[in-house]
Amino acid sequence: MAKLKTVLTFMLGGALLGNLVATIAAPRFMEWYNSTPLASQTMCNLPQVVRDVTAQLIRAQFIGSGIGVAVFLVLGIVFVQARAKKQQATPPPAAPTPTPTPKEG
């Protein structure tokens, strides 16, 4: 159960990190993608543009979260396997030998 918890923690961290990266990077990409060529003036349906840009940002965040989950899933599995091998390589501590109690009498 501890291994699953560790992997799920890695996945959650990856999702949050991927979402953060997408939130930072996506607006610059969307600005470039939605700009008009040669800076000409255009008439547009502004509410539709706002809906489209918002949908693109949310889609980018989902993609970033998914990529983060996938990458950190692999990293979590590698981490758990490495920790398990390390624990198998170290021998358990030797049991203390019982000391005989002196007999009274």
Protein backbone atom coordinates (compact mmCIF):
# COMPACT_ATOMS: atom_id res chain seq x y z
CA MET A 1 0.00 0.00 0.00
CA ALA A 2 2.90 2.33 0.71
CA LYS A 3 4.23 1.81 -2.83
CA LEU A 4 0.88 2.80 -4.33
CA LYS A 5 0.72 5.86 -2.10
CA THR A 6 4.21 6.91 -3.20
CA VAL A 7 3.39 6.47 -6.90
CA LEU A 8 0.10 8.38 -6.53
CA THR A 9 1.94 11.19 -4.73
CA PHE A 10 4.40 11.39 -7.61
CA MET A 11 1.49 11.47 -10.09
CA LEU A 12 -0.25 14.27 -8.20
CA GLY A 13 2.95 16.27 -8.08
CA GLY A 14 3.43 15.71 -11.82
CA ALA A 15 -0.12 16.84 -12.57
CA LEU A 16 0.35 20.02 -10.57
CA LEU A 17 3.74 20.73 -12.14
CA GLY A 18 2.42 20.07 -15.65
CA ASN A 19 -0.55 22.33 -15.02
CA LEU A 20 1.75 25.07 -13.75
CA VAL A 21 4.03 24.83 -16.79
CA ALA A 22 1.03 24.87 -19.15
CA THR A 23 -0.47 27.88 -17.37
CA ILE A 24 2.80 29.77 -17.79
CA ALA A 25 3.61 28.69 -21.37
CA ALA A 26 0.16 28.52 -22.99
CA PRO A 27 -0.75 32.23 -22.99
CA ARG A 28 2.36 33.11 -25.02
CA PHE A 29 1.57 30.39 -27.54
CA MET A 30 -2.08 31.41 -27.73
CA GLU A 31 -1.12 35.05 -28.26
CA TRP A 32 1.03 34.03 -31.22
CA TYR A 33 -1.54 31.56 -32.56
CA ASN A 34 -4.46 34.00 -32.39
CA SER A 35 -2.69 37.11 -33.66
CA THR A 36 -3.48 38.38 -37.13
CA PRO A 37 -0.76 38.21 -39.77
CA LEU A 38 1.01 41.45 -40.66
CA ALA A 39 -0.82 43.27 -37.86
CA SER A 40 -3.77 44.15 -40.05
CA GLN A 41 -7.00 45.22 -38.47
CA THR A 42 -9.75 42.67 -38.53
CA MET A 43 -13.30 42.57 -37.37
CA CYS A 44 -14.05 39.70 -35.06
CA ASN A 45 -16.76 38.28 -32.89
CA LEU A 46 -15.17 39.06 -29.54
CA PRO A 47 -17.33 36.75 -27.36
CA GLN A 48 -16.47 33.84 -29.63
CA VAL A 49 -12.76 34.73 -29.49
CA VAL A 50 -12.88 34.82 -25.68
CA ARG A 51 -14.59 31.41 -25.58
CA ASP A 52 -12.05 29.95 -28.00
CA VAL A 53 -9.04 31.32 -26.15
CA THR A 54 -10.39 30.14 -22.79
CA ALA A 55 -11.06 26.69 -24.24
CA GLN A 56 -7.50 26.61 -25.61
CA LEU A 57 -6.05 27.51 -22.21
CA ILE A 58 -8.07 24.84 -20.42
CA ARG A 59 -7.11 22.28 -23.07
CA ALA A 60 -3.43 23.22 -22.66
CA GLN A 61 -3.73 22.80 -18.89
CA PHE A 62 -5.29 19.35 -19.29
CA ILE A 63 -2.56 18.32 -21.71
CA GLY A 64 0.13 19.67 -19.38
CA SER A 65 -1.40 17.82 -16.44
CA GLY A 66 -1.58 14.61 -18.46
CA ILE A 67 2.03 14.86 -19.54
CA GLY A 68 3.05 15.59 -15.95
CA VAL A 69 1.11 12.58 -14.67
CA ALA A 70 2.68 10.28 -17.28
CA VAL A 71 6.24 11.47 -16.65
CA PHE A 72 5.93 11.39 -12.88
CA LEU A 73 4.19 7.99 -12.99
CA VAL A 74 7.32 6.59 -14.62
CA LEU A 75 9.56 8.47 -12.16
CA GLY A 76 7.48 7.22 -9.22
CA ILE A 77 7.73 3.61 -10.38
CA VAL A 78 11.49 3.96 -10.84
CA PHE A 79 11.78 5.53 -7.37
CA VAL A 80 9.76 2.75 -5.71
CA GLN A 81 11.74 0.03 -7.49
CA ALA A 82 15.07 1.62 -6.56
CA ARG A 83 14.01 1.95 -2.94
CA ALA A 84 12.86 -1.69 -2.86
CA LYS A 85 16.20 -2.88 -4.28
CA LYS A 86 18.08 -0.77 -1.75
CA GLN A 87 16.08 -2.30 1.10
CA GLN A 88 16.74 -5.82 -0.21
CA ALA A 89 20.46 -5.14 -0.57
CA THR A 90 20.93 -4.09 3.05
CA PRO A 91 20.68 -7.07 5.40
CA PRO A 92 18.36 -6.70 8.35
CA PRO A 93 20.07 -5.97 11.65
CA ALA A 94 21.15 -9.04 13.55
CA ALA A 95 18.91 -10.04 16.40
CA PRO A 96 20.57 -9.43 19.76
CA THR A 97 21.66 -12.56 21.51
CA PRO A 98 19.77 -13.15 24.70
CA THR A 99 21.94 -12.74 27.76
CA PRO A 100 21.53 -15.41 30.40
CA THR A 101 20.09 -14.16 33.62
CA PRO A 102 22.13 -15.04 36.72
CA LYS A 103 20.51 -17.61 38.91
CA GLU A 104 19.95 -16.68 42.47
CA GLY A 105 20.75 -19.06 45.06
